[in-house]
Structures are given as structure tokens and as C-alpha cells.
Amino acid sequence: MLIVDAQVHIWAADTAERPWLPGRAQHAQKPYPVTKEMVLAAMDEAGVNRAILIPPSWEGDHNDLVLEAARLHPDRFAAMGRLALDRPESRARVADWRKQPGMLGIRLTFHLPEHRQWLFDGTADWLWPAAERARVPIMLYVPASVRKVEEIAARHPGLRLVIDHLALGVHARGNLAFVELADVCRLARFPNVAVKASALPCHSALPYPFRDLHPHIRRVYDSFGPERMFWGTDWTRLPCPWREAVTLFTEELPWLTDDDKRWIMGRGICEWLQWAECSSAS
């Protein structure tokens, strides 16, 4: 079974030449750089075949590291890049976004107040039709803003959207983490919306196998099915070994069939993002 992690961050050191952004540095998951070499070694140990690399918010809108990793290791990595929504020059970039080798789409975060407002004040409105025309899929992290995605998905049926981390708040744990899950599951009626069941161990109040997560995972599965439910970890903030995040899905959820696991653990994300090399291996 091909195992593809739908979200892993890498980043460079905080230096004068490449500083972490003021006000966002406190969100850094580790106080040191995380390199592609570190990720490859950990993937091999955990039995993860491939990963979608995503730049973190505290570095700003740099895509160079993830694109370099995808260029050097096309059999292991592809990228979802950041785009500065508030900069006029970004608008011209969308049409050719996927022409960048290794780039599959755009990843946006709306968990910080200064970015969340862009969903509602019109700043982000230009992107949805542009990405729909260019066939560029978008990953969205939208805790507390899930209902806004309903409007976007309905207005742009040709735009492929992925809801990151089931829209769970960064620090929420236990059942309280899933207060918006009904809104997330309601999005399943839009065939252009999928979800990342990613970083889930971060939200458990129990040790492995994280049994408080199981009913919520089942609810998402029942709503979206295995083809639109993508496994991932956000590895750099996992509270457990990467391998346990894998076996949570491959060994601890007996109601998943072997075919379900193939879709959830890799085939689904590869086909949704049209990662050609990955799709052919699945």
C-alpha cells in the first residue's frame, strides 16, 4: 500500500537574511530548521513513501525549500505552495502555478485573525475564480470559518478544495476539538470539497491508539467516504511517533476495508491533486 502524508512542513533557520515573521515566530513548531533530509530519514523509519511538503506560515511566503526538495526527490516529495493574497502581483502567478516543477497547488491558512479577515473582507475573493480557471487545487486551514467555505464551494464548482486538519483549532483537545465537525461534514455534499484527516493525534486527550478520535474519524468517513478523506500528520507537531500516526489508520480502525485504506492513505490525495508520478504508483 502506498502511504502518502498529505502535510509535512520543512523550513530554514531564523536568520537576519531570512527572518521568521514578527508575531508569527511563536507559532513555530520547532525552534530549529527542519530539512528535507530529516524528513526523508523519518519517513523511512515510519514506512511513509511520499509526502506533500508545505511551507509554514512563520517563514512568510517562501516556496523555494519545498520546490527544491520536490525537484531533487520527485519520487518522494511534491509541494503545495504559499501565495500572498494581499499582493497585486500574486494575481498574475496563478495561471502558471502548476508549471513550476513539483508544485501541485496552493495552501492557505486562515487561523490567525489578520488572515481570517481576508475571507470576509474581499481580499481573497479574486483567487477562487482564478484558481478554478487554472485548475489549481487549494488547501485551506479554516478553524472557526468553515461556513465561509460553503459559499466558495457552491460558487466555484470547478475549484478543488481541501479542508486541512478537519478545521480543528490548533490547541483544542478531546471532544471540544470537534465542535465544528458538523459544519465540516456538511461540506461533503459538494463534490469539489475533500478533507485532510491530518494532525489528529495532536487533538486526542488519550494515549495511543487515541480512542477518543475513533468516532470522529468514523463520522468523517461516513460523510466523505474514503476517496475524499486524506490521511496526513503535520509531522513536526505530532505528540507521538510518526509510525503511530500511520497505524492509527492502518491497524486500529477495524471498520476500514483494505480498499478504504488504499484510498485514505495515499491514492485519494494523489488523484485529487493530480500528482502524476504518485497516482501511477498507487
C-alpha atoms as a PDB file:
ATOM      1  CA  MET A   1       0.000   0.000   0.000  1.00  0.00           C
ATOM      2  CA  LEU A   2       1.323   3.403  -0.991  1.00  0.00           C
ATOM      3  CA  ILE A   3       1.427   5.722   2.042  1.00  0.00           C
ATOM      4  CA  VAL A   4       1.423   9.444   1.279  1.00  0.00           C
ATOM      5  CA  ASP A   5       1.439  12.050   4.039  1.00  0.00           C
ATOM      6  CA  ALA A   6      -0.811  14.945   2.993  1.00  0.00           C
ATOM      7  CA  GLN A   7       1.050  17.542   5.075  1.00  0.00           C
ATOM      8  CA  VAL A   8       4.629  17.910   6.249  1.00  0.00           C
ATOM      9  CA  HIS A   9       6.433  21.210   6.872  1.00  0.00           C
ATOM     10  CA  ILE A  10      10.078  21.989   6.252  1.00  0.00           C
ATOM     11  CA  TRP A  11      11.734  25.339   6.961  1.00  0.00           C
ATOM     12  CA  ALA A  12      15.025  27.172   7.245  1.00  0.00           C
ATOM     13  CA  ALA A  13      16.701  28.756  10.279  1.00  0.00           C
ATOM     14  CA  ASP A  14      15.591  32.129  11.646  1.00  0.00           C
ATOM     15  CA  THR A  15      18.346  34.412  10.349  1.00  0.00           C
ATOM     16  CA  ALA A  16      18.805  38.083   9.512  1.00  0.00           C
ATOM     17  CA  GLU A  17      18.824  37.179   5.817  1.00  0.00           C
ATOM     18  CA  ARG A  18      15.664  35.051   6.118  1.00  0.00           C
ATOM     19  CA  PRO A  19      13.859  36.087   9.323  1.00  0.00           C
ATOM     20  CA  TRP A  20      10.786  34.439  10.702  1.00  0.00           C
ATOM     21  CA  LEU A  21       7.909  36.870  10.622  1.00  0.00           C
ATOM     22  CA  PRO A  22       7.335  39.045  13.717  1.00  0.00           C
ATOM     23  CA  GLY A  23       4.213  37.994  15.573  1.00  0.00           C
ATOM     24  CA  ARG A  24       4.256  34.538  13.961  1.00  0.00           C
ATOM     25  CA  ALA A  25       7.535  33.143  15.253  1.00  0.00           C
ATOM     26  CA  GLN A  26       5.777  31.931  18.407  1.00  0.00           C
ATOM     27  CA  HIS A  27       3.773  29.545  16.224  1.00  0.00           C
ATOM     28  CA  ALA A  28       6.909  27.714  15.059  1.00  0.00           C
ATOM     29  CA  GLN A  29       6.548  24.018  15.801  1.00  0.00           C
ATOM     30  CA  LYS A  30      10.287  23.590  16.454  1.00  0.00           C
ATOM     31  CA  PRO A  31      12.858  26.313  17.267  1.00  0.00           C
ATOM     32  CA  TYR A  32      15.319  24.936  14.706  1.00  0.00           C
ATOM     33  CA  PRO A  33      15.304  24.301  10.948  1.00  0.00           C
ATOM     34  CA  VAL A  34      13.653  21.141   9.660  1.00  0.00           C
ATOM     35  CA  THR A  35      15.284  19.891   6.480  1.00  0.00           C
ATOM     36  CA  LYS A  36      14.267  17.558   3.697  1.00  0.00           C
ATOM     37  CA  GLU A  37      16.968  15.155   4.866  1.00  0.00           C
ATOM     38  CA  MET A  38      15.404  14.996   8.327  1.00  0.00           C
ATOM     39  CA  VAL A  39      12.019  14.298   6.785  1.00  0.00           C
ATOM     40  CA  LEU A  40      13.332  11.588   4.467  1.00  0.00           C
ATOM     41  CA  ALA A  41      15.026   9.758   7.341  1.00  0.00           C
ATOM     42  CA  ALA A  42      11.882   9.910   9.481  1.00  0.00           C
ATOM     43  CA  MET A  43       9.688   8.799   6.577  1.00  0.00           C
ATOM     44  CA  ASP A  44      11.873   5.757   6.002  1.00  0.00           C
ATOM     45  CA  GLU A  45      11.656   4.851   9.687  1.00  0.00           C
ATOM     46  CA  ALA A  46       7.864   5.253   9.747  1.00  0.00           C
ATOM     47  CA  GLY A  47       7.194   3.481   6.451  1.00  0.00           C
ATOM     48  CA  VAL A  48       5.883   6.595   4.673  1.00  0.00           C
ATOM     49  CA  ASN A  49       6.529   6.533   0.920  1.00  0.00           C
ATOM     50  CA  ARG A  50       5.785  10.109  -0.111  1.00  0.00           C
ATOM     51  CA  ALA A  51       4.790  13.446   1.377  1.00  0.00           C
ATOM     52  CA  ILE A  52       3.231  16.744   0.368  1.00  0.00           C
ATOM     53  CA  LEU A  53       5.595  19.472   1.572  1.00  0.00           C
ATOM     54  CA  ILE A  54       4.110  22.772   2.720  1.00  0.00           C
ATOM     55  CA  PRO A  55       5.944  25.936   3.805  1.00  0.00           C
ATOM     56  CA  PRO A  56       4.979  27.087   7.320  1.00  0.00           C
ATOM     57  CA  SER A  57       3.379  30.462   7.975  1.00  0.00           C
ATOM     58  CA  TRP A  58       6.169  31.821  10.193  1.00  0.00           C
ATOM     59  CA  GLU A  59       8.630  31.881   7.289  1.00  0.00           C
ATOM     60  CA  GLY A  60       6.420  34.063   5.130  1.00  0.00           C
ATOM     61  CA  ASP A  61       5.584  33.235   1.543  1.00  0.00           C
ATOM     62  CA  HIS A  62       8.729  31.317   0.601  1.00  0.00           C
ATOM     63  CA  ASN A  63       8.294  28.247  -1.604  1.00  0.00           C
ATOM     64  CA  ASP A  64      11.936  27.681  -2.513  1.00  0.00           C
ATOM     65  CA  LEU A  65      12.699  24.914   0.010  1.00  0.00           C
ATOM     66  CA  VAL A  66       9.695  22.746  -0.830  1.00  0.00           C
ATOM     67  CA  LEU A  67      10.241  23.156  -4.565  1.00  0.00           C
ATOM     68  CA  GLU A  68      13.921  22.263  -4.218  1.00  0.00           C
ATOM     69  CA  ALA A  69      13.007  19.127  -2.274  1.00  0.00           C
ATOM     70  CA  ALA A  70      10.439  18.139  -4.919  1.00  0.00           C
ATOM     71  CA  ARG A  71      12.991  18.747  -7.678  1.00  0.00           C
ATOM     72  CA  LEU A  72      15.692  16.672  -6.005  1.00  0.00           C
ATOM     73  CA  HIS A  73      13.355  13.897  -4.805  1.00  0.00           C
ATOM     74  CA  PRO A  74      10.405  13.733  -7.213  1.00  0.00           C
ATOM     75  CA  ASP A  75       9.737  10.143  -6.150  1.00  0.00           C
ATOM     76  CA  ARG A  76       9.229  11.240  -2.530  1.00  0.00           C
ATOM     77  CA  PHE A  77       8.005  14.864  -2.464  1.00  0.00           C
ATOM     78  CA  ALA A  78       5.635  17.299  -4.116  1.00  0.00           C
ATOM     79  CA  ALA A  79       4.645  20.788  -2.952  1.00  0.00           C
ATOM     80  CA  MET A  80       1.632  22.897  -2.090  1.00  0.00           C
ATOM     81  CA  GLY A  81       2.908  26.473  -2.073  1.00  0.00           C
ATOM     82  CA  ARG A  82       2.020  29.682  -0.320  1.00  0.00           C
ATOM     83  CA  LEU A  83       0.643  32.722  -2.145  1.00  0.00           C
ATOM     84  CA  ALA A  84       0.376  36.273  -0.783  1.00  0.00           C
ATOM     85  CA  LEU A  85      -3.314  37.059  -1.275  1.00  0.00           C
ATOM     86  CA  ASP A  86      -2.913  40.742  -0.449  1.00  0.00           C
ATOM     87  CA  ARG A  87      -0.230  41.477  -3.046  1.00  0.00           C
ATOM     88  CA  PRO A  88      -1.404  42.588  -6.510  1.00  0.00           C
ATOM     89  CA  GLU A  89       1.497  40.797  -8.214  1.00  0.00           C
ATOM     90  CA  SER A  90       0.170  37.439  -6.955  1.00  0.00           C
ATOM     91  CA  ARG A  91      -2.767  37.560  -9.358  1.00  0.00           C
ATOM     92  CA  ALA A  92      -0.613  37.006 -12.418  1.00  0.00           C
ATOM     93  CA  ARG A  93       1.033  33.943 -10.892  1.00  0.00           C
ATOM     94  CA  VAL A  94      -1.991  31.651 -10.620  1.00  0.00           C
ATOM     95  CA  ALA A  95      -2.404  30.806 -14.318  1.00  0.00           C
ATOM     96  CA  ASP A  96       1.068  29.226 -14.474  1.00  0.00           C
ATOM     97  CA  TRP A  97       1.224  27.996 -10.877  1.00  0.00           C
ATOM     98  CA  ARG A  98       1.361  24.297 -11.719  1.00  0.00           C
ATOM     99  CA  LYS A  99       4.035  24.841 -14.351  1.00  0.00           C
ATOM    100  CA  GLN A 100       6.540  25.097 -11.503  1.00  0.00           C
ATOM    101  CA  PRO A 101       8.147  21.622 -11.335  1.00  0.00           C
ATOM    102  CA  GLY A 102       6.830  19.751  -8.314  1.00  0.00           C
ATOM    103  CA  MET A 103       4.080  22.279  -7.499  1.00  0.00           C
ATOM    104  CA  LEU A 104       0.597  20.775  -7.173  1.00  0.00           C
ATOM    105  CA  GLY A 105      -1.443  23.657  -5.779  1.00  0.00           C
ATOM    106  CA  ILE A 106      -1.843  26.433  -3.219  1.00  0.00           C
ATOM    107  CA  ARG A 107      -2.092  26.155   0.556  1.00  0.00           C
ATOM    108  CA  LEU A 108      -3.644  28.996   2.586  1.00  0.00           C
ATOM    109  CA  THR A 109      -4.051  29.433   6.344  1.00  0.00           C
ATOM    110  CA  PHE A 110      -6.783  31.498   7.974  1.00  0.00           C
ATOM    111  CA  HIS A 111      -6.272  30.657  11.652  1.00  0.00           C
ATOM    112  CA  LEU A 112      -4.638  33.980  12.574  1.00  0.00           C
ATOM    113  CA  PRO A 113      -7.010  36.972  12.953  1.00  0.00           C
ATOM    114  CA  GLU A 114      -5.173  39.131  10.415  1.00  0.00           C
ATOM    115  CA  HIS A 115      -5.581  36.401   7.800  1.00  0.00           C
ATOM    116  CA  ARG A 116      -9.057  35.210   8.780  1.00  0.00           C
ATOM    117  CA  GLN A 117     -10.475  38.613   7.920  1.00  0.00           C
ATOM    118  CA  TRP A 118      -9.314  38.160   4.296  1.00  0.00           C
ATOM    119  CA  LEU A 119     -12.011  35.511   3.872  1.00  0.00           C
ATOM    120  CA  PHE A 120     -14.694  38.043   4.742  1.00  0.00           C
ATOM    121  CA  ASP A 121     -13.447  41.475   3.630  1.00  0.00           C
ATOM    122  CA  GLY A 122     -12.981  40.614  -0.043  1.00  0.00           C
ATOM    123  CA  THR A 123      -9.183  40.278  -0.019  1.00  0.00           C
ATOM    124  CA  ALA A 124      -9.322  36.596  -1.017  1.00  0.00           C
ATOM    125  CA  ASP A 125     -12.235  36.836  -3.428  1.00  0.00           C
ATOM    126  CA  TRP A 126     -10.103  37.218  -6.554  1.00  0.00           C
ATOM    127  CA  LEU A 127      -8.347  33.876  -6.017  1.00  0.00           C
ATOM    128  CA  TRP A 128     -11.288  31.459  -6.206  1.00  0.00           C
ATOM    129  CA  PRO A 129     -12.279  32.128  -9.857  1.00  0.00           C
ATOM    130  CA  ALA A 130      -8.612  32.430 -10.892  1.00  0.00           C
ATOM    131  CA  ALA A 131      -7.721  29.053  -9.376  1.00  0.00           C
ATOM    132  CA  GLU A 132     -10.874  27.480 -10.787  1.00  0.00           C
ATOM    133  CA  ARG A 133      -9.946  28.635 -14.315  1.00  0.00           C
ATOM    134  CA  ALA A 134      -6.339  27.448 -13.930  1.00  0.00           C
ATOM    135  CA  ARG A 135      -7.364  24.126 -12.325  1.00  0.00           C
ATOM    136  CA  VAL A 136      -5.199  24.800  -9.290  1.00  0.00           C
ATOM    137  CA  PRO A 137      -6.396  22.918  -6.167  1.00  0.00           C
ATOM    138  CA  ILE A 138      -6.339  24.772  -2.865  1.00  0.00           C
ATOM    139  CA  MET A 139      -5.807  23.518   0.686  1.00  0.00           C
ATOM    140  CA  LEU A 140      -7.455  25.691   3.351  1.00  0.00           C
ATOM    141  CA  TYR A 141      -6.944  25.775   7.094  1.00  0.00           C
ATOM    142  CA  VAL A 142     -10.114  27.490   8.304  1.00  0.00           C
ATOM    143  CA  PRO A 143     -10.873  26.883  12.004  1.00  0.00           C
ATOM    144  CA  ALA A 144     -13.907  28.971  13.038  1.00  0.00           C
ATOM    145  CA  SER A 145     -14.605  29.826   9.387  1.00  0.00           C
ATOM    146  CA  VAL A 146     -15.890  26.582   7.869  1.00  0.00           C
ATOM    147  CA  ARG A 147     -19.231  28.016   6.786  1.00  0.00           C
ATOM    148  CA  LYS A 148     -17.483  30.520   4.535  1.00  0.00           C
ATOM    149  CA  VAL A 149     -16.130  27.566   2.551  1.00  0.00           C
ATOM    150  CA  GLU A 150     -19.715  26.545   1.739  1.00  0.00           C
ATOM    151  CA  GLU A 151     -20.144  29.797  -0.191  1.00  0.00           C
ATOM    152  CA  ILE A 152     -16.861  29.354  -2.038  1.00  0.00           C
ATOM    153  CA  ALA A 153     -17.524  25.720  -2.957  1.00  0.00           C
ATOM    154  CA  ALA A 154     -21.042  26.450  -4.198  1.00  0.00           C
ATOM    155  CA  ARG A 155     -19.978  29.458  -6.265  1.00  0.00           C
ATOM    156  CA  HIS A 156     -16.974  27.693  -7.833  1.00  0.00           C
ATOM    157  CA  PRO A 157     -17.892  24.046  -8.508  1.00  0.00           C
ATOM    158  CA  GLY A 158     -14.799  23.509 -10.653  1.00  0.00           C
ATOM    159  CA  LEU A 159     -12.433  24.520  -7.852  1.00  0.00           C
ATOM    160  CA  ARG A 160     -10.995  21.609  -5.866  1.00  0.00           C
ATOM    161  CA  LEU A 161     -10.783  22.453  -2.159  1.00  0.00           C
ATOM    162  CA  VAL A 162      -9.267  20.508   0.736  1.00  0.00           C
ATOM    163  CA  ILE A 163     -10.126  21.345   4.360  1.00  0.00           C
ATOM    164  CA  ASP A 164      -6.955  20.924   6.401  1.00  0.00           C
ATOM    165  CA  HIS A 165      -6.909  19.151   9.777  1.00  0.00           C
ATOM    166  CA  LEU A 166     -10.740  18.864   9.665  1.00  0.00           C
ATOM    167  CA  ALA A 167     -10.666  22.597  10.574  1.00  0.00           C
ATOM    168  CA  LEU A 168      -9.742  21.732  14.173  1.00  0.00           C
ATOM    169  CA  GLY A 169      -8.314  24.547  16.281  1.00  0.00           C
ATOM    170  CA  VAL A 170      -4.556  24.328  16.832  1.00  0.00           C
ATOM    171  CA  HIS A 171      -4.666  23.781  20.601  1.00  0.00           C
ATOM    172  CA  ALA A 172      -8.047  22.090  21.098  1.00  0.00           C
ATOM    173  CA  ARG A 173      -8.076  18.550  22.545  1.00  0.00           C
ATOM    174  CA  GLY A 174     -10.665  15.872  23.221  1.00  0.00           C
ATOM    175  CA  ASN A 175     -14.293  16.238  22.177  1.00  0.00           C
ATOM    176  CA  LEU A 176     -14.059  20.034  22.412  1.00  0.00           C
ATOM    177  CA  ALA A 177     -11.738  19.971  19.410  1.00  0.00           C
ATOM    178  CA  PHE A 178     -14.580  18.716  17.209  1.00  0.00           C
ATOM    179  CA  VAL A 179     -17.228  21.374  17.871  1.00  0.00           C
ATOM    180  CA  GLU A 180     -17.212  22.423  14.183  1.00  0.00           C
ATOM    181  CA  LEU A 181     -17.197  18.903  12.785  1.00  0.00           C
ATOM    182  CA  ALA A 182     -20.876  19.039  11.817  1.00  0.00           C
ATOM    183  CA  ASP A 183     -20.120  22.054   9.623  1.00  0.00           C
ATOM    184  CA  VAL A 184     -17.170  20.208   8.079  1.00  0.00           C
ATOM    185  CA  CYS A 185     -19.250  17.109   7.354  1.00  0.00           C
ATOM    186  CA  ARG A 186     -21.965  19.245   5.768  1.00  0.00           C
ATOM    187  CA  LEU A 187     -19.406  20.253   3.125  1.00  0.00           C
ATOM    188  CA  ALA A 188     -19.410  16.649   1.879  1.00  0.00           C
ATOM    189  CA  ARG A 189     -22.441  17.458  -0.281  1.00  0.00           C
ATOM    190  CA  PHE A 190     -20.117  19.463  -2.523  1.00  0.00           C
ATOM    191  CA  PRO A 191     -18.206  17.038  -4.775  1.00  0.00           C
ATOM    192  CA  ASN A 192     -15.386  19.585  -5.141  1.00  0.00           C
ATOM    193  CA  VAL A 193     -14.565  19.504  -1.391  1.00  0.00           C
ATOM    194  CA  ALA A 194     -12.332  16.949   0.350  1.00  0.00           C
ATOM    195  CA  VAL A 195     -10.798  16.827   3.833  1.00  0.00           C
ATOM    196  CA  LYS A 196      -7.440  16.069   5.382  1.00  0.00           C
ATOM    197  CA  ALA A 197      -7.760  13.811   8.420  1.00  0.00           C
ATOM    198  CA  SER A 198      -4.391  15.172   9.450  1.00  0.00           C
ATOM    199  CA  ALA A 199      -2.663  16.019  12.743  1.00  0.00           C
ATOM    200  CA  LEU A 200      -5.381  14.121  14.611  1.00  0.00           C
ATOM    201  CA  PRO A 201      -3.160  12.733  17.407  1.00  0.00           C
ATOM    202  CA  CYS A 202      -2.497  16.369  18.357  1.00  0.00           C
ATOM    203  CA  HIS A 203      -6.149  16.620  19.386  1.00  0.00           C
ATOM    204  CA  SER A 204      -6.503  13.444  21.440  1.00  0.00           C
ATOM    205  CA  ALA A 205      -6.731  13.519  25.222  1.00  0.00           C
ATOM    206  CA  LEU A 206      -5.719   9.839  25.390  1.00  0.00           C
ATOM    207  CA  PRO A 207      -2.559   7.857  24.613  1.00  0.00           C
ATOM    208  CA  TYR A 208      -2.224   5.678  21.515  1.00  0.00           C
ATOM    209  CA  PRO A 209      -4.408   4.329  19.928  1.00  0.00           C
ATOM    210  CA  PHE A 210      -6.257   7.598  20.635  1.00  0.00           C
ATOM    211  CA  ARG A 211      -9.669   6.013  21.079  1.00  0.00           C
ATOM    212  CA  ASP A 212     -11.406   9.356  21.615  1.00  0.00           C
ATOM    213  CA  LEU A 213     -10.637  10.139  17.961  1.00  0.00           C
ATOM    214  CA  HIS A 214     -12.215   6.999  16.510  1.00  0.00           C
ATOM    215  CA  PRO A 215     -15.891   8.083  16.490  1.00  0.00           C
ATOM    216  CA  HIS A 216     -14.993  11.421  14.913  1.00  0.00           C
ATOM    217  CA  ILE A 217     -12.939   9.705  12.214  1.00  0.00           C
ATOM    218  CA  ARG A 218     -15.890   7.404  11.525  1.00  0.00           C
ATOM    219  CA  ARG A 219     -18.222  10.395  11.209  1.00  0.00           C
ATOM    220  CA  VAL A 220     -15.951  11.994   8.617  1.00  0.00           C
ATOM    221  CA  TYR A 221     -15.597   8.686   6.773  1.00  0.00           C
ATOM    222  CA  ASP A 222     -19.379   8.245   6.666  1.00  0.00           C
ATOM    223  CA  SER A 223     -19.743  11.760   5.232  1.00  0.00           C
ATOM    224  CA  PHE A 224     -16.943  11.983   2.680  1.00  0.00           C
ATOM    225  CA  GLY A 225     -16.105   8.355   2.006  1.00  0.00           C
ATOM    226  CA  PRO A 226     -12.537   7.095   1.621  1.00  0.00           C
ATOM    227  CA  GLU A 227     -11.956   8.798  -1.752  1.00  0.00           C
ATOM    228  CA  ARG A 228     -12.219  12.324  -0.272  1.00  0.00           C
ATOM    229  CA  MET A 229     -10.634  11.740   3.139  1.00  0.00           C
ATOM    230  CA  PHE A 230      -6.857  12.090   3.104  1.00  0.00           C
ATOM    231  CA  TRP A 231      -4.504  10.889   5.840  1.00  0.00           C
ATOM    232  CA  GLY A 232      -1.711  13.193   6.999  1.00  0.00           C
ATOM    233  CA  THR A 233       0.236  14.174  10.083  1.00  0.00           C
ATOM    234  CA  ASP A 234       1.678  17.700  10.200  1.00  0.00           C
ATOM    235  CA  TRP A 235       4.640  15.660  11.418  1.00  0.00           C
ATOM    236  CA  THR A 236       6.588  18.418  13.154  1.00  0.00           C
ATOM    237  CA  ARG A 237       3.891  18.885  15.792  1.00  0.00           C
ATOM    238  CA  LEU A 238       2.904  15.261  16.338  1.00  0.00           C
ATOM    239  CA  PRO A 239       2.832  14.215  20.038  1.00  0.00           C
ATOM    240  CA  CYS A 240       3.612  10.624  19.033  1.00  0.00           C
ATOM    241  CA  PRO A 241       5.966   8.741  16.696  1.00  0.00           C
ATOM    242  CA  TRP A 242       5.147   9.118  13.015  1.00  0.00           C
ATOM    243  CA  ARG A 243       4.619   5.356  12.818  1.00  0.00           C
ATOM    244  CA  GLU A 244       1.777   5.514  15.360  1.00  0.00           C
ATOM    245  CA  ALA A 245       0.028   8.127  13.239  1.00  0.00           C
ATOM    246  CA  VAL A 246       0.226   5.619  10.374  1.00  0.00           C
ATOM    247  CA  THR A 247      -1.002   2.610  12.321  1.00  0.00           C
ATOM    248  CA  LEU A 248      -3.877   4.590  13.854  1.00  0.00           C
ATOM    249  CA  PHE A 249      -5.478   4.233  10.407  1.00  0.00           C
ATOM    250  CA  THR A 250      -3.912   1.034   9.106  1.00  0.00           C
ATOM    251  CA  GLU A 251      -4.358  -1.119  12.248  1.00  0.00           C
ATOM    252  CA  GLU A 252      -6.710   0.496  14.786  1.00  0.00           C
ATOM    253  CA  LEU A 253      -9.876   1.206  12.767  1.00  0.00           C
ATOM    254  CA  PRO A 254     -11.293  -2.262  12.007  1.00  0.00           C
ATOM    255  CA  TRP A 255     -14.229  -0.912  10.004  1.00  0.00           C
ATOM    256  CA  LEU A 256     -11.877   0.323   7.257  1.00  0.00           C
ATOM    257  CA  THR A 257     -11.526  -2.159   4.405  1.00  0.00           C
ATOM    258  CA  ASP A 258      -8.223  -2.718   2.622  1.00  0.00           C
ATOM    259  CA  ASP A 259      -9.536  -0.690  -0.309  1.00  0.00           C
ATOM    260  CA  ASP A 260     -10.602   2.124   2.050  1.00  0.00           C
ATOM    261  CA  LYS A 261      -7.076   2.247   3.448  1.00  0.00           C
ATOM    262  CA  ARG A 262      -5.540   2.444  -0.002  1.00  0.00           C
ATOM    263  CA  TRP A 263      -7.663   5.495  -0.779  1.00  0.00           C
ATOM    264  CA  ILE A 264      -7.234   7.225   2.585  1.00  0.00           C
ATOM    265  CA  MET A 265      -3.532   6.546   2.999  1.00  0.00           C
ATOM    266  CA  GLY A 266      -2.392   7.737  -0.415  1.00  0.00           C
ATOM    267  CA  ARG A 267      -4.420   7.104  -3.530  1.00  0.00           C
ATOM    268  CA  GLY A 268      -7.023   9.754  -2.740  1.00  0.00           C
ATOM    269  CA  ILE A 269      -4.638  12.677  -2.255  1.00  0.00           C
ATOM    270  CA  CYS A 270      -2.611  11.699  -5.329  1.00  0.00           C
ATOM    271  CA  GLU A 271      -5.671  11.654  -7.564  1.00  0.00           C
ATOM    272  CA  TRP A 272      -7.239  14.786  -6.045  1.00  0.00           C
ATOM    273  CA  LEU A 273      -4.076  16.842  -6.595  1.00  0.00           C
ATOM    274  CA  GLN A 274      -3.236  15.067  -9.878  1.00  0.00           C
ATOM    275  CA  TRP A 275       0.236  14.106  -8.684  1.00  0.00           C
ATOM    276  CA  ALA A 276       1.000  12.048 -11.770  1.00  0.00           C
ATOM    277  CA  GLU A 277       4.044  10.129 -10.535  1.00  0.00           C
ATOM    278  CA  CYS A 278       2.270   9.272  -7.315  1.00  0.00           C
ATOM    279  CA  SER A 279      -1.034   8.297  -8.977  1.00  0.00           C
ATOM    280  CA  SER A 280       0.726   5.834 -11.278  1.00  0.00           C
ATOM    281  CA  ALA A 281       2.328   4.149  -8.251  1.00  0.00           C
ATOM    282  CA  SER A 282      -0.949   3.788  -6.363  1.00  0.00           C
END
